[in-house]
N, C-alpha and C. Protein backbone atom coordinates (compact mmCIF):
# COMPACT_ATOMS: atom_id res chain seq x y z
N MET A 1 10.94 -13.61 -8.10
CA MET A 1 10.21 -12.61 -8.73
C MET A 1 10.49 -12.23 -9.43
N ALA A 2 9.78 -12.25 -11.04
CA ALA A 2 9.31 -11.41 -12.33
C ALA A 2 9.76 -10.09 -11.65
N ASN A 3 9.71 -9.27 -13.08
CA ASN A 3 10.47 -8.32 -13.74
C ASN A 3 9.78 -6.53 -13.54
N THR A 4 8.18 -7.49 -14.38
CA THR A 4 7.04 -6.63 -14.24
C THR A 4 6.54 -6.88 -13.46
N TYR A 5 5.93 -5.18 -13.29
CA TYR A 5 4.10 -5.01 -12.14
C TYR A 5 3.61 -4.75 -12.94
N ARG A 6 2.04 -4.23 -14.28
CA ARG A 6 0.61 -4.11 -14.31
C ARG A 6 0.33 -3.21 -12.99
N TRP A 7 0.67 -1.44 -13.79
CA TRP A 7 0.00 -0.74 -12.28
C TRP A 7 -0.93 -0.10 -13.13
N ALA A 8 -2.22 0.08 -12.61
CA ALA A 8 -3.45 0.62 -12.07
C ALA A 8 -3.68 2.53 -12.63
N PRO A 9 -4.27 2.00 -13.41
CA PRO A 9 -4.56 3.66 -13.76
C PRO A 9 -4.41 4.79 -11.83
N LEU A 10 -3.98 5.22 -12.59
CA LEU A 10 -4.32 7.27 -11.25
C LEU A 10 -4.83 7.69 -11.14
N VAL A 11 -5.68 8.47 -11.37
CA VAL A 11 -5.94 10.16 -11.37
C VAL A 11 -6.28 10.54 -10.85
N SER A 12 -6.54 10.95 -10.62
CA SER A 12 -5.81 13.47 -10.23
C SER A 12 -6.16 13.39 -8.49
N ALA A 13 -6.29 14.07 -7.73
CA ALA A 13 -6.35 13.96 -6.30
C ALA A 13 -8.19 14.10 -6.34
N LEU A 14 -8.32 15.18 -7.00
CA LEU A 14 -9.81 15.37 -7.41
C LEU A 14 -11.54 14.47 -7.21
N ALA A 15 -10.25 13.40 -7.96
CA ALA A 15 -11.43 12.05 -7.64
C ALA A 15 -11.02 11.48 -6.96
N LEU A 16 -10.74 11.12 -6.13
CA LEU A 16 -9.98 10.38 -5.35
C LEU A 16 -10.92 10.23 -3.93
N LEU A 17 -11.89 8.63 -3.39
CA LEU A 17 -12.43 9.38 -2.64
C LEU A 17 -12.17 8.32 -1.50
N GLY A 18 -12.02 7.97 -0.11
CA GLY A 18 -12.46 8.87 1.68
C GLY A 18 -10.89 8.67 2.32
N LEU A 19 -10.41 8.38 3.62
CA LEU A 19 -9.52 8.59 3.98
C LEU A 19 -9.61 6.17 3.69
N LEU A 20 -8.10 5.65 3.65
CA LEU A 20 -8.38 4.66 3.36
C LEU A 20 -7.80 3.83 4.16
N THR A 21 -9.14 2.50 4.39
CA THR A 21 -8.77 1.20 4.53
C THR A 21 -8.64 0.12 4.17
N ALA A 22 -8.73 -0.82 5.24
CA ALA A 22 -8.27 -1.84 4.58
C ALA A 22 -9.91 -2.91 4.10
N CYS A 23 -10.34 -2.78 2.55
CA CYS A 23 -11.07 -2.65 2.68
C CYS A 23 -11.50 -4.37 1.44
N GLY A 24 -11.71 -4.95 1.23
CA GLY A 24 -12.27 -5.59 0.09
C GLY A 24 -12.86 -5.10 -0.45
N ASP A 25 -13.68 -4.29 -0.68
CA ASP A 25 -14.19 -3.50 -1.92
C ASP A 25 -14.28 -2.10 -2.47
N GLY A 26 -14.20 -1.91 -2.36
CA GLY A 26 -14.44 -1.27 -2.09
C GLY A 26 -13.06 0.36 -2.53
N GLY A 27 -2.36 23.50 0.54
CA GLY A 27 -1.50 23.59 0.44
C GLY A 27 -1.04 25.02 0.71
N ASP A 28 0.26 24.42 -0.37
CA ASP A 28 1.69 25.46 -0.21
C ASP A 28 1.17 26.04 -1.13
N SER A 29 2.56 27.01 -1.75
CA SER A 29 1.96 27.55 -3.13
C SER A 29 2.76 27.18 -4.42
N ALA A 30 2.79 27.11 -5.46
CA ALA A 30 2.66 26.44 -6.41
C ALA A 30 4.01 26.95 -6.46
N SER A 31 4.69 25.99 -7.95
CA SER A 31 5.48 25.37 -8.86
C SER A 31 5.69 23.44 -7.77
N ALA A 32 4.37 23.16 -7.67
CA ALA A 32 4.43 22.06 -7.54
C ALA A 32 4.60 20.95 -8.63
N PRO A 33 5.12 20.29 -8.55
CA PRO A 33 4.38 19.16 -10.28
C PRO A 33 2.82 18.43 -10.45
N GLU A 34 2.57 18.37 -11.61
CA GLU A 34 1.05 18.07 -11.44
C GLU A 34 1.50 16.63 -11.17
N THR A 35 0.35 16.18 -10.58
CA THR A 35 0.86 14.72 -10.12
C THR A 35 0.33 14.28 -11.35
N LEU A 36 -0.02 13.18 -12.12
CA LEU A 36 0.06 12.76 -12.91
C LEU A 36 -0.86 11.51 -12.70
N PRO A 37 -1.72 10.63 -13.99
CA PRO A 37 -2.44 10.20 -14.44
C PRO A 37 -2.09 9.25 -13.62
N GLY A 38 -0.65 8.86 -14.14
CA GLY A 38 -0.18 6.53 -14.42
C GLY A 38 0.61 6.70 -14.02
N THR A 39 1.88 5.48 -13.73
CA THR A 39 2.71 5.77 -12.69
C THR A 39 3.48 4.05 -13.60
N ALA A 40 4.48 4.25 -13.48
CA ALA A 40 5.66 3.56 -14.31
C ALA A 40 6.04 2.32 -13.20
N ALA A 41 6.06 0.76 -13.19
CA ALA A 41 5.88 -0.53 -12.98
C ALA A 41 7.83 -0.73 -12.43
N PRO A 42 8.14 -1.62 -11.31
CA PRO A 42 9.25 -1.44 -10.63
C PRO A 42 9.48 -2.59 -12.05
N ALA A 43 11.49 -1.98 -11.87
CA ALA A 43 12.35 -3.72 -12.57
C ALA A 43 11.97 -4.57 -11.99
N THR A 44 12.67 -4.24 -10.45
CA THR A 44 12.63 -5.78 -9.18
C THR A 44 12.21 -5.32 -8.04
N SER A 45 12.20 -6.71 -7.28
CA SER A 45 11.77 -6.19 -5.70
C SER A 45 12.96 -6.63 -4.95
N ASP A 46 13.85 -5.82 -4.39
CA ASP A 46 15.02 -5.78 -2.89
C ASP A 46 14.19 -5.42 -2.29
N GLY A 47 12.78 -5.11 -1.35
CA GLY A 47 12.79 -4.19 -0.18
C GLY A 47 12.26 -5.28 0.86
N THR A 48 12.30 -4.94 2.08
CA THR A 48 12.58 -5.61 3.21
C THR A 48 10.93 -6.39 3.42
N THR A 49 10.92 -7.58 4.00
CA THR A 49 9.99 -8.97 3.97
C THR A 49 9.68 -9.06 5.87
N ALA A 50 8.29 -8.96 6.60
CA ALA A 50 7.17 -8.00 6.65
C ALA A 50 6.98 -9.69 7.04
N THR A 51 7.41 -10.05 8.35
CA THR A 51 5.81 -11.53 8.78
C THR A 51 5.35 -11.16 10.18
N PRO A 52 4.29 -11.58 10.72
CA PRO A 52 4.07 -11.58 12.32
C PRO A 52 4.76 -12.36 12.95
N SER A 53 4.36 -11.11 14.25
CA SER A 53 5.70 -11.64 15.39
C SER A 53 5.04 -11.44 16.67
N ASP A 54 5.32 -12.41 17.91
CA ASP A 54 4.95 -12.19 19.00
C ASP A 54 5.45 -10.78 19.35
N GLU A 55 5.85 -10.78 18.91
CA GLU A 55 5.77 -8.68 19.64
C GLU A 55 4.30 -7.81 19.37
N PRO A 56 4.91 -6.58 20.24
CA PRO A 56 3.21 -5.69 20.26
C PRO A 56 3.49 -4.98 18.26
N THR A 57 2.61 -5.35 17.84
CA THR A 57 2.73 -4.45 16.86
C THR A 57 2.26 -2.88 17.06
N PRO A 58 3.98 -1.81 16.86
CA PRO A 58 2.87 -0.48 17.40
C PRO A 58 1.56 0.22 16.60
N THR A 59 0.97 0.69 17.25
CA THR A 59 -0.51 1.35 16.91
C THR A 59 -0.53 2.64 17.13
N PRO A 60 -0.35 3.11 15.36
CA PRO A 60 -0.73 4.91 15.33
C PRO A 60 -1.78 5.56 15.62
N THR A 61 -1.03 6.88 16.37
CA THR A 61 -1.78 7.56 17.08
C THR A 61 -3.24 7.55 16.22
N SER A 62 -3.29 7.85 14.49
CA SER A 62 -4.45 9.05 14.46
C SER A 62 -5.63 7.73 13.79
N SER A 63 -5.43 7.14 12.48
CA SER A 63 -5.77 6.12 12.70
C SER A 63 -5.40 4.58 12.14
N THR A 64 -5.52 3.81 13.03
CA THR A 64 -4.89 1.71 12.00
C THR A 64 -5.67 1.78 11.01
N PRO A 65 -4.84 1.22 10.69
CA PRO A 65 -5.58 0.67 9.82
C PRO A 65 -6.65 -0.06 9.88
N SER A 66 -7.96 -0.86 9.54
CA SER A 66 -8.85 -1.45 9.65
C SER A 66 -10.09 -2.56 8.93
N PRO A 67 -9.57 -2.72 9.46
CA PRO A 67 -11.18 -4.49 8.01
C PRO A 67 -11.72 -3.40 7.48
N ALA A 68 -12.68 -4.41 6.08
CA ALA A 68 -14.11 -3.56 5.40
C ALA A 68 -14.38 -3.09 5.59
N ALA A 69 -14.57 -2.59 6.08
CA ALA A 69 -16.32 -1.61 6.06
C ALA A 69 -17.52 -2.07 6.03
N GLY A 70 -17.54 -3.30 5.23
CA GLY A 70 -18.49 -3.81 4.11
C GLY A 70 -19.20 -4.21 2.71
N THR A 71 -18.79 -4.23 1.99
CA THR A 71 -19.36 -4.87 1.63
C THR A 71 -18.88 -6.66 1.04
N ALA A 72 -19.83 -7.30 0.86
CA ALA A 72 -19.34 -9.28 1.07
C ALA A 72 -18.92 -9.11 -0.18
N THR A 73 -18.04 -10.13 -0.73
CA THR A 73 -16.92 -10.47 -1.45
C THR A 73 -17.63 -12.13 -1.88
N GLY A 74 -17.86 -12.66 -1.04
CA GLY A 74 -18.97 -13.85 -0.68
C GLY A 74 -17.67 -15.07 -0.60
N ASP A 75 -15.55 -14.40 0.11
CA ASP A 75 -14.91 -15.33 0.19
C ASP A 75 -14.07 -15.37 1.27
N GLY A 76 -15.16 -14.82 2.20
CA GLY A 76 -14.83 -15.32 3.59
C GLY A 76 -14.22 -16.87 3.89
N GLY A 77 -14.64 -17.15 3.37
CA GLY A 77 -15.00 -18.71 3.59
C GLY A 77 -12.43 -19.15 4.08
N THR A 78 -11.95 -18.12 2.32
CA THR A 78 -11.04 -19.08 1.29
C THR A 78 -10.06 -17.05 1.77
N ARG A 79 -10.60 -17.04 1.78
CA ARG A 79 -9.58 -15.30 2.47
C ARG A 79 -8.20 -15.63 2.73
N CYS A 80 -7.26 -14.77 2.56
CA CYS A 80 -6.39 -14.58 2.71
C CYS A 80 -5.59 -13.67 3.76
N HIS A 81 -5.55 -14.52 5.45
CA HIS A 81 -5.26 -14.12 6.22
C HIS A 81 -4.59 -13.09 7.51
N THR A 82 -3.90 -12.14 7.61
CA THR A 82 -2.28 -12.11 8.26
C THR A 82 -1.37 -12.98 8.55
N SER A 83 -1.93 -14.00 9.13
CA SER A 83 -1.13 -15.19 9.62
C SER A 83 -0.16 -15.90 7.81
N GLU A 84 -0.89 -15.99 7.34
CA GLU A 84 -1.23 -16.52 6.50
C GLU A 84 -0.59 -15.82 4.73
N LEU A 85 0.04 -14.70 5.40
CA LEU A 85 1.05 -14.41 4.17
C LEU A 85 2.58 -13.18 4.66
N GLU A 86 3.11 -12.71 3.84
CA GLU A 86 4.61 -11.97 3.82
C GLU A 86 4.32 -11.24 3.32
N ALA A 87 4.28 -9.82 3.78
CA ALA A 87 5.05 -8.38 2.79
C ALA A 87 6.23 -7.56 2.77
N THR A 88 6.03 -7.77 1.07
CA THR A 88 6.98 -7.76 0.89
C THR A 88 7.06 -5.66 0.37
N LEU A 89 7.79 -4.67 0.40
CA LEU A 89 8.17 -3.75 -0.63
C LEU A 89 9.00 -3.50 -1.10
N GLY A 90 8.25 -3.57 -2.15
CA GLY A 90 9.05 -3.85 -4.09
C GLY A 90 10.45 -2.73 -4.47
N ARG A 91 10.71 -2.58 -4.87
CA ARG A 91 12.23 -1.23 -5.35
C ARG A 91 11.69 0.40 -5.74
N ASN A 92 11.48 1.14 -5.48
CA ASN A 92 11.18 2.78 -6.41
C ASN A 92 11.48 1.99 -7.69
N ASP A 93 10.67 2.90 -8.53
CA ASP A 93 10.80 3.21 -9.80
C ASP A 93 10.13 4.64 -9.81
N PRO A 94 10.63 5.79 -10.08
CA PRO A 94 10.58 7.04 -10.01
C PRO A 94 10.00 7.70 -11.30
N GLY A 95 9.26 8.70 -11.77
CA GLY A 95 9.67 9.02 -13.21
C GLY A 95 8.29 10.27 -12.68
N ALA A 96 8.66 10.82 -13.54
CA ALA A 96 7.88 11.67 -13.80
C ALA A 96 7.36 13.01 -13.09
N GLY A 97 8.21 12.60 -11.97
CA GLY A 97 8.00 13.70 -10.18
C GLY A 97 7.36 12.76 -8.97
N GLN A 98 7.15 11.46 -9.80
CA GLN A 98 6.06 10.74 -8.71
C GLN A 98 7.09 9.40 -7.90
N GLU A 99 7.04 9.19 -7.72
CA GLU A 99 7.70 8.14 -6.11
C GLU A 99 6.47 6.67 -7.42
N ASN A 100 7.18 5.71 -6.81
CA ASN A 100 6.05 4.46 -6.87
C ASN A 100 6.63 3.68 -6.30
N PHE A 101 5.58 2.58 -5.73
CA PHE A 101 6.84 1.71 -4.64
C PHE A 101 5.69 0.15 -5.16
N PRO A 102 5.01 -0.74 -4.76
CA PRO A 102 4.90 -1.81 -4.95
C PRO A 102 5.18 -2.21 -3.86
N LEU A 103 3.20 -2.92 -2.83
CA LEU A 103 3.24 -3.48 -1.53
C LEU A 103 2.97 -5.34 -2.67
N ILE A 104 3.83 -5.82 -2.11
CA ILE A 104 3.30 -6.96 -2.82
C ILE A 104 3.02 -8.22 -1.00
N LEU A 105 2.31 -9.24 -1.66
CA LEU A 105 1.89 -10.38 -0.80
C LEU A 105 1.65 -11.26 -0.91
N THR A 106 2.78 -12.56 -0.23
CA THR A 106 2.90 -13.30 -0.94
C THR A 106 2.25 -14.91 0.15
N ASN A 107 1.98 -15.33 -0.32
CA ASN A 107 1.05 -17.12 0.06
C ASN A 107 2.63 -17.17 0.76
N THR A 108 1.86 -17.09 2.79
CA THR A 108 2.98 -18.19 2.97
C THR A 108 2.36 -19.57 3.14
N SER A 109 0.71 -19.21 2.98
CA SER A 109 0.79 -20.93 3.41
C SER A 109 0.81 -22.41 2.85
N SER A 110 -0.06 -23.37 3.75
CA SER A 110 -0.14 -24.81 2.68
C SER A 110 -0.93 -24.68 2.12
N ARG A 111 -2.37 -23.84 1.74
CA ARG A 111 -3.47 -23.34 1.69
C ARG A 111 -3.96 -22.08 0.73
N THR A 112 -4.38 -22.66 -0.67
CA THR A 112 -4.96 -21.47 -1.65
C THR A 112 -5.84 -21.23 -0.34
N CYS A 113 -5.48 -19.64 -0.94
CA CYS A 113 -6.12 -17.83 -0.11
C CYS A 113 -6.61 -16.81 -1.11
N THR A 114 -7.53 -16.52 -0.91
CA THR A 114 -8.09 -14.80 -2.30
C THR A 114 -7.73 -13.16 -1.09
N VAL A 115 -7.21 -12.77 -2.19
CA VAL A 115 -6.93 -11.86 -1.27
C VAL A 115 -7.83 -10.37 -2.73
N HIS A 116 -8.77 -10.21 -1.89
CA HIS A 116 -9.66 -9.25 -2.87
C HIS A 116 -10.20 -7.74 -2.03
N GLY A 117 -9.24 -6.91 -3.02
CA GLY A 117 -9.76 -5.57 -2.93
C GLY A 117 -9.07 -4.34 -2.13
N TYR A 118 -8.43 -3.37 -0.97
CA TYR A 118 -7.30 -2.84 -0.65
C TYR A 118 -7.24 -2.66 0.15
N PRO A 119 -5.46 -2.89 0.12
CA PRO A 119 -4.70 -2.89 1.90
C PRO A 119 -5.17 -1.51 2.71
N GLY A 120 -5.00 -1.37 3.48
CA GLY A 120 -5.05 -0.15 5.30
C GLY A 120 -3.49 -0.85 4.62
N ALA A 121 -2.74 0.88 4.69
CA ALA A 121 -1.16 1.13 4.79
C ALA A 121 -1.68 2.30 5.80
N ALA A 122 -0.21 2.53 6.53
CA ALA A 122 0.00 3.93 7.32
C ALA A 122 1.86 4.06 7.37
N PHE A 123 2.27 5.13 7.71
CA PHE A 123 3.07 5.02 7.41
C PHE A 123 3.62 5.47 9.34
N VAL A 124 4.44 5.38 9.79
CA VAL A 124 4.86 5.75 11.69
C VAL A 124 6.24 5.76 11.68
N ASP A 125 6.47 6.69 12.95
CA ASP A 125 7.51 6.46 13.78
C ASP A 125 8.41 4.99 14.82
N ALA A 126 9.02 5.34 14.60
CA ALA A 126 10.13 4.10 15.63
C ALA A 126 8.60 3.66 17.33
N SER A 127 7.82 4.85 17.70
CA SER A 127 7.19 4.62 18.66
C SER A 127 5.78 4.00 17.92
N GLY A 128 5.84 4.45 16.70
CA GLY A 128 4.46 3.45 16.15
C GLY A 128 3.33 4.76 15.92
N LYS A 129 3.58 6.24 15.80
CA LYS A 129 3.08 7.04 15.66
C LYS A 129 2.95 7.08 14.25
N GLN A 130 2.09 7.38 13.93
CA GLN A 130 1.43 7.88 12.52
C GLN A 130 1.87 8.70 11.83
N LEU A 131 2.09 8.57 10.65
CA LEU A 131 2.89 9.58 10.08
C LEU A 131 1.81 10.50 8.99
N GLY A 132 0.89 11.61 9.41
CA GLY A 132 0.05 12.26 7.60
C GLY A 132 -1.04 10.83 8.27
N PRO A 133 -1.96 10.98 6.88
CA PRO A 133 -2.77 10.97 6.85
C PRO A 133 -2.61 9.08 6.39
N ASP A 134 -4.00 8.62 6.19
CA ASP A 134 -4.27 7.10 5.89
C ASP A 134 -3.63 7.93 3.65
N PRO A 135 -2.59 7.15 3.85
CA PRO A 135 -3.31 6.90 1.79
C PRO A 135 -5.03 7.11 1.76
N LYS A 136 -4.77 7.80 0.47
CA LYS A 136 -6.65 7.35 -0.62
C LYS A 136 -6.30 6.66 -1.42
N ARG A 137 -7.23 5.90 -1.43
CA ARG A 137 -7.78 5.12 -2.68
C ARG A 137 -7.79 5.52 -3.70
N THR A 138 -6.90 4.60 -5.21
CA THR A 138 -7.16 5.26 -6.77
C THR A 138 -8.29 4.67 -6.90
N PRO A 139 -8.54 4.94 -7.16
CA PRO A 139 -10.28 4.24 -7.94
C PRO A 139 -10.04 3.46 -9.12
N GLY A 140 -10.99 2.03 -9.22
CA GLY A 140 -10.51 0.46 -9.59
C GLY A 140 -11.64 0.17 -9.55
N THR A 141 -10.88 -1.19 -10.40
CA THR A 141 -11.99 -2.36 -10.07
C THR A 141 -11.30 -3.14 -9.39
N ALA A 142 -12.11 -3.99 -8.43
CA ALA A 142 -11.47 -4.43 -7.58
C ALA A 142 -11.86 -6.09 -8.29
N THR A 143 -10.66 -7.53 -8.11
CA THR A 143 -10.62 -8.95 -8.21
C THR A 143 -10.37 -9.49 -7.99
N THR A 144 -10.96 -11.11 -6.68
CA THR A 144 -10.82 -11.47 -6.54
C THR A 144 -9.54 -12.64 -6.78
N VAL A 145 -8.58 -12.49 -6.17
CA VAL A 145 -6.75 -13.07 -6.70
C VAL A 145 -7.12 -14.30 -6.21
N LYS A 146 -6.42 -15.34 -6.69
CA LYS A 146 -6.51 -16.88 -6.17
C LYS A 146 -4.68 -16.50 -5.97
N LEU A 147 -4.42 -16.87 -4.79
CA LEU A 147 -2.71 -17.34 -4.01
C LEU A 147 -2.72 -18.36 -4.12
N ALA A 148 -2.15 -19.34 -5.07
CA ALA A 148 -2.08 -20.81 -4.33
C ALA A 148 -1.07 -21.09 -3.21
N PRO A 149 -0.48 -21.07 -2.44
CA PRO A 149 1.14 -21.71 -1.98
C PRO A 149 2.43 -20.41 -2.68
N GLY A 150 2.96 -19.71 -2.60
CA GLY A 150 4.19 -19.56 -2.96
C GLY A 150 4.14 -18.10 -3.92
N GLN A 151 2.10 -17.77 -4.47
CA GLN A 151 1.76 -17.04 -5.48
C GLN A 151 2.12 -15.78 -4.29
N ASN A 152 1.64 -14.05 -5.02
CA ASN A 152 2.06 -13.03 -5.28
C ASN A 152 0.12 -12.22 -5.36
N THR A 153 0.19 -11.02 -5.13
CA THR A 153 -0.25 -10.02 -5.27
C THR A 153 -0.18 -8.48 -5.04
N TRP A 154 -0.01 -7.91 -5.95
CA TRP A 154 0.25 -6.14 -5.88
C TRP A 154 -0.21 -5.12 -5.31
N SER A 155 -0.04 -3.70 -4.32
CA SER A 155 -0.60 -2.93 -4.71
C SER A 155 0.31 -2.08 -4.64
N GLY A 156 -0.08 -0.47 -5.41
CA GLY A 156 1.41 -0.07 -5.53
C GLY A 156 0.59 1.49 -4.78
N ILE A 157 2.03 1.82 -4.55
CA ILE A 157 1.83 2.86 -3.41
C ILE A 157 2.75 4.37 -4.30
N THR A 158 2.47 5.63 -4.69
CA THR A 158 2.83 6.55 -4.45
C THR A 158 2.34 7.77 -4.65
N PHE A 159 3.49 8.66 -4.33
CA PHE A 159 3.29 10.02 -4.05
C PHE A 159 4.20 11.37 -5.27
N ALA A 160 3.67 12.53 -5.16
CA ALA A 160 4.80 13.33 -5.71
C ALA A 160 6.07 13.21 -4.75
N ASN A 161 7.49 13.22 -5.53
CA ASN A 161 8.43 13.49 -5.30
C ASN A 161 8.50 14.80 -3.93
N PRO A 162 9.00 15.01 -2.27
CA PRO A 162 8.74 16.18 -1.83
C PRO A 162 9.74 17.34 -2.35
N GLU A 163 10.10 16.54 -2.30
CA GLU A 163 11.82 17.90 -2.93
C GLU A 163 11.61 18.59 -4.58
N ILE A 164 10.87 18.86 -5.02
CA ILE A 164 10.66 18.79 -6.27
C ILE A 164 8.79 19.30 -5.47
N SER A 165 7.88 18.81 -5.21
CA SER A 165 6.78 19.55 -4.98
C SER A 165 6.68 20.14 -3.40
N GLY A 166 7.03 19.77 -2.61
CA GLY A 166 7.69 21.36 -1.62
C GLY A 166 6.80 20.79 -0.41
N ALA A 167 6.42 19.55 -0.85
CA ALA A 167 5.51 19.14 0.60
C ALA A 167 6.37 18.93 1.76
N ARG A 168 5.55 18.94 2.83
CA ARG A 168 6.11 18.65 4.44
C ARG A 168 6.92 16.84 4.57
N THR A 169 7.88 17.02 4.97
CA THR A 169 8.12 15.59 4.78
C THR A 169 7.94 14.84 7.28
N ALA A 170 8.62 13.45 6.38
CA ALA A 170 8.78 13.08 7.68
C ALA A 170 9.34 11.52 7.70
N ASN A 171 10.98 11.37 7.38
CA ASN A 171 11.11 9.38 7.66
C ASN A 171 10.53 9.10 8.44
N PRO A 172 9.52 7.79 7.89
CA PRO A 172 8.77 6.87 8.64
C PRO A 172 10.19 6.20 8.38
N ASP A 173 9.91 5.15 9.79
CA ASP A 173 10.55 3.70 10.93
C ASP A 173 10.25 2.77 9.84
N ALA A 174 9.00 2.87 10.03
CA ALA A 174 8.18 1.40 9.21
C ALA A 174 7.20 1.89 8.66
N LEU A 175 6.50 0.43 7.96
CA LEU A 175 5.47 0.89 6.88
C LEU A 175 4.20 0.02 7.40
N LEU A 176 2.77 0.09 7.86
CA LEU A 176 1.64 -0.93 8.30
C LEU A 176 1.45 -1.47 6.90
N VAL A 177 1.18 -2.77 6.61
CA VAL A 177 -0.52 -2.77 6.01
C VAL A 177 -0.88 -3.63 6.34
N THR A 178 -2.35 -3.86 5.83
CA THR A 178 -3.50 -4.55 6.31
C THR A 178 -4.20 -5.11 5.77
N PRO A 179 -3.76 -6.46 5.27
CA PRO A 179 -4.28 -6.86 4.27
C PRO A 179 -5.63 -6.50 3.69
N PRO A 180 -6.72 -7.15 2.28
CA PRO A 180 -7.85 -6.97 2.45
C PRO A 180 -9.37 -7.66 3.79
N ASP A 181 -9.79 -6.54 4.71
CA ASP A 181 -10.74 -7.98 5.37
C ASP A 181 -10.54 -8.02 6.70
N GLU A 182 -9.49 -7.90 7.08
CA GLU A 182 -7.99 -8.14 8.20
C GLU A 182 -8.11 -7.66 9.39
N ARG A 183 -7.49 -7.01 9.77
CA ARG A 183 -7.23 -6.26 11.31
C ARG A 183 -5.95 -6.43 12.16
N ASP A 184 -5.21 -6.91 11.58
CA ASP A 184 -3.84 -7.24 12.08
C ASP A 184 -2.67 -6.87 10.92
N PRO A 185 -2.11 -5.98 11.21
CA PRO A 185 -0.76 -5.36 9.64
C PRO A 185 0.24 -6.37 10.26
N LEU A 186 0.78 -6.05 8.60
CA LEU A 186 1.79 -6.90 8.75
C LEU A 186 2.95 -5.13 8.36
N LYS A 187 3.85 -5.17 8.64
CA LYS A 187 5.12 -3.82 9.48
C LYS A 187 6.59 -4.42 8.06
N ILE A 188 6.61 -3.13 7.74
CA ILE A 188 8.02 -3.59 6.18
C ILE A 188 8.97 -2.39 7.21
N SER A 189 10.34 -2.51 7.72
CA SER A 189 11.29 -1.77 8.32
C SER A 189 10.62 -0.74 6.17
N TRP A 190 10.88 0.55 6.66
CA TRP A 190 11.10 1.54 6.15
C TRP A 190 12.45 2.06 5.17
N SER A 191 13.78 1.94 4.16
CA SER A 191 14.56 2.06 4.34
C SER A 191 14.65 3.50 3.08
N ALA A 192 12.99 3.59 2.28
CA ALA A 192 13.22 4.39 1.66
C ALA A 192 12.85 5.99 1.36
N GLY A 193 13.51 6.06 2.94
CA GLY A 193 13.55 8.71 2.53
C GLY A 193 12.15 8.67 3.34
N GLU A 194 12.23 10.11 2.85
CA GLU A 194 11.18 11.13 3.52
C GLU A 194 9.84 11.16 2.40
N VAL A 195 8.70 10.76 3.43
CA VAL A 195 7.74 10.83 2.39
C VAL A 195 6.35 11.85 2.88
N PRO A 196 5.98 12.15 1.94
CA PRO A 196 4.87 13.93 2.30
C PRO A 196 3.99 12.92 3.53
N VAL A 197 4.02 14.33 4.29
CA VAL A 197 2.76 14.20 5.10
C VAL A 197 2.32 15.17 5.89
N SER A 198 2.83 16.33 4.91
CA SER A 198 1.36 18.00 3.89
C SER A 198 1.77 18.56 3.98
N GLY A 199 0.92 19.74 3.44
CA GLY A 199 0.80 20.12 2.78
C GLY A 199 1.00 20.22 1.21
N ASN A 200 1.81 21.03 0.41
CA ASN A 200 1.87 20.80 -1.26
C ASN A 200 1.74 19.87 -1.81
N GLU A 201 1.41 19.13 -2.88
CA GLU A 201 1.49 17.78 -3.06
C GLU A 201 1.10 16.42 -2.03
N SER A 202 0.48 17.00 -1.01
CA SER A 202 1.09 15.69 -0.13
C SER A 202 0.59 14.38 -0.37
N THR A 203 -0.39 14.28 -0.78
CA THR A 203 -1.22 12.67 -0.73
C THR A 203 -0.43 11.72 -1.31
N VAL A 204 -0.54 11.18 -0.81
CA VAL A 204 -0.32 10.11 -0.66
C VAL A 204 -1.13 8.44 -0.95
N PHE A 205 -1.25 8.05 -2.53
CA PHE A 205 -2.44 7.23 -2.79
C PHE A 205 -1.79 5.83 -3.49
N ILE A 206 -2.85 5.32 -3.32
CA ILE A 206 -2.88 3.85 -2.88
C ILE A 206 -4.15 2.54 -4.08
N THR A 207 -3.14 2.41 -4.75
CA THR A 207 -4.61 1.05 -5.45
C THR A 207 -4.86 -0.06 -5.23
N VAL A 208 -6.13 -1.33 -5.50
CA VAL A 208 -6.58 -2.46 -4.99
C VAL A 208 -4.59 -2.80 -6.22
N PHE A 209 -5.66 -3.93 -5.08
CA PHE A 209 -4.68 -5.84 -5.42
C PHE A 209 -4.47 -5.81 -6.55
N ASP A 210 -3.49 -6.15 -7.18
CA ASP A 210 -3.74 -6.37 -8.21
C ASP A 210 -3.32 -8.02 -8.56
N ARG A 211 -2.81 -9.14 -9.80
CA ARG A 211 -2.81 -10.28 -10.37
C ARG A 211 -0.17 -9.88 -10.01
N GLY A 212 -0.28 -10.60 -9.30
CA GLY A 212 1.16 -10.65 -9.95
C GLY A 212 2.11 -11.62 -10.38
N PRO A 213 3.37 -12.00 -10.63
CA PRO A 213 3.71 -12.45 -11.88
C PRO A 213 3.35 -13.94 -11.27
N GLY A 214 2.91 -14.34 -10.81
CA GLY A 214 3.27 -15.60 -9.89
C GLY A 214 1.60 -16.20 -9.48
N ALA A 215 0.84 -15.36 -9.47
CA ALA A 215 -0.39 -15.44 -9.20
C ALA A 215 -1.36 -16.46 -10.80
């Protein structure tokens, strides 16, 4: 996999949209760092991989990532389905008080398919209970990413470093990622430490899928 990913611009939490679903288009005291509008790209991806399995998928008690609420893209016949994708968490590339991870989807099928929009995402504990609210979507323009077999696409997940922000935290067991317009999530084991779940500067942001180096 190539060593660079372009990060979509991030804006302040006041400009963000509502709770995240997998969609085709679509505090506490001071001393917290300012949430910056940009993030840096990770150097490599060395995270774990998730693939669909026959084991039951943990169901968050809050809100499970769900399919699109709506705007048709015209690519229904070519859309990548969960069973055709592999999910990887790339290496963190921290900067300016923020933690930045790429969520990478790779087409493992034998056909060309497309990804368009935002993923659904939820941190969960070992019992499948969701930790914290759904990430919020960073405004961005969705483009249809065509993936030939073996090609990939990525979405960025970003949050303020809890040690700096003072947010209350939890240590997830996994991250559930639902491809756009799909219902079934992919489960990625989370070994990247604590994430903010409530309080000051606790919002987690996620970006629209962009082209990976192989797309």
